[in-house]
Amino acid sequence: MKVDIMLKKLFIEHPDSVNESYGEHFLVAMGFAIKLFIASIVCLVHGLIPGLFVKTASNLMRELYSSMVVNRARNNSLRDKKEQDVIEYMI
């Protein structure tokens, strides 16, 4: 029984908290990882040759932040709407 609880905590709770399935959350996280990897390469090149990619890393970070905040707000509004749409009956 403890294994079930641990697996749920590790793989289900967080994706549920942001209104995503495990698969959806995996794809979103991998998208962020790829963009962060690209940003790190851009920063490395910029560090070596300051005239290149002057604003690229900053723009990528702004995009990621915006994406995360917009998605979080969208997910929260979807969750709120679901809660409002629930009709409870007492018979």
Protein backbone atom coordinates (compact mmCIF):
# COMPACT_ATOMS: atom_id res chain seq x y z
CA MET A 1 0.00 0.00 0.00
CA LYS A 2 2.84 2.43 0.79
CA VAL A 3 4.29 1.90 -2.68
CA ASP A 4 1.00 3.02 -4.25
CA ILE A 5 1.01 6.18 -2.15
CA MET A 6 4.64 6.92 -3.02
CA LEU A 7 4.07 6.34 -6.74
CA LYS A 8 1.02 8.60 -6.68
CA LYS A 9 3.00 11.31 -4.90
CA LEU A 10 5.93 11.02 -7.32
CA PHE A 11 4.03 10.74 -10.61
CA ILE A 12 0.45 11.98 -10.21
CA GLU A 13 0.03 14.69 -7.57
CA HIS A 14 2.04 17.48 -9.20
CA PRO A 15 0.68 17.02 -12.74
CA ASP A 16 -2.84 16.95 -11.24
CA SER A 17 -2.10 20.18 -9.36
CA VAL A 18 -1.45 21.95 -12.68
CA ASN A 19 -4.38 20.29 -14.47
CA GLU A 20 -2.24 18.01 -16.63
CA SER A 21 -1.93 14.28 -17.11
CA TYR A 22 1.46 12.67 -16.56
CA GLY A 23 2.04 12.57 -20.33
CA GLU A 24 1.03 16.20 -20.84
CA HIS A 25 3.26 17.29 -17.98
CA PHE A 26 6.16 15.27 -19.39
CA LEU A 27 5.84 16.95 -22.80
CA VAL A 28 5.59 20.44 -21.27
CA ALA A 29 8.61 19.80 -19.03
CA MET A 30 10.64 18.42 -21.95
CA GLY A 31 9.74 21.50 -24.00
CA PHE A 32 11.06 23.69 -21.18
CA ALA A 33 14.21 21.54 -20.92
CA ILE A 34 14.94 21.89 -24.64
CA LYS A 35 14.43 25.65 -24.54
CA LEU A 36 16.64 25.96 -21.45
CA PHE A 37 19.33 23.86 -23.14
CA ILE A 38 19.23 26.14 -26.18
CA ALA A 39 19.38 29.20 -23.91
CA SER A 40 22.44 27.76 -22.14
CA ILE A 41 24.25 27.22 -25.46
CA VAL A 42 23.31 30.76 -26.51
CA CYS A 43 24.74 32.10 -23.22
CA LEU A 44 27.94 30.10 -23.70
CA VAL A 45 28.43 31.49 -27.21
CA HIS A 46 27.54 35.00 -26.00
CA GLY A 47 30.11 34.67 -23.21
CA LEU A 48 32.80 33.79 -25.74
CA ILE A 49 31.71 36.31 -28.38
CA PRO A 50 29.77 39.12 -26.67
CA GLY A 51 28.61 40.61 -29.96
CA LEU A 52 26.53 37.50 -30.74
CA PHE A 53 23.14 36.69 -29.23
CA VAL A 54 23.04 39.99 -27.32
CA LYS A 55 19.35 39.67 -26.38
CA THR A 56 18.55 36.09 -27.38
CA ALA A 57 18.92 34.42 -23.97
CA SER A 58 16.97 37.20 -22.26
CA ASN A 59 14.18 36.86 -24.80
CA LEU A 60 14.08 33.07 -24.37
CA MET A 61 13.87 33.42 -20.59
CA ARG A 62 11.05 35.96 -20.91
CA GLU A 63 9.18 33.55 -23.22
CA LEU A 64 9.57 30.68 -20.77
CA TYR A 65 8.44 32.80 -17.84
CA SER A 66 5.46 34.12 -19.78
CA SER A 67 4.53 30.63 -20.92
CA MET A 68 4.65 29.27 -17.39
CA VAL A 69 2.65 32.14 -15.89
CA VAL A 70 0.06 32.16 -18.72
CA ASN A 71 -0.34 28.38 -18.49
CA ARG A 72 -0.66 28.52 -14.71
CA ALA A 73 -3.32 31.24 -14.95
CA ARG A 74 -5.17 29.30 -17.66
CA ASN A 75 -5.06 26.11 -15.62
CA ASN A 76 -6.26 27.89 -12.50
CA SER A 77 -9.18 29.44 -14.39
CA LEU A 78 -10.07 26.01 -15.86
CA ARG A 79 -9.97 24.47 -12.39
CA ASP A 80 -12.13 27.29 -10.99
CA LYS A 81 -14.61 26.85 -13.84
CA LYS A 82 -14.80 23.10 -13.21
CA GLU A 83 -15.50 23.76 -9.54
CA GLN A 84 -18.26 26.22 -10.45
CA ASP A 85 -19.81 23.78 -12.91
CA VAL A 86 -20.14 21.06 -10.28
CA ILE A 87 -23.72 20.74 -9.17
CA GLU A 88 -24.19 19.09 -5.83
CA TYR A 89 -27.45 17.42 -5.01
CA MET A 90 -28.75 16.44 -1.66
CA ILE A 91 -31.58 13.95 -1.79
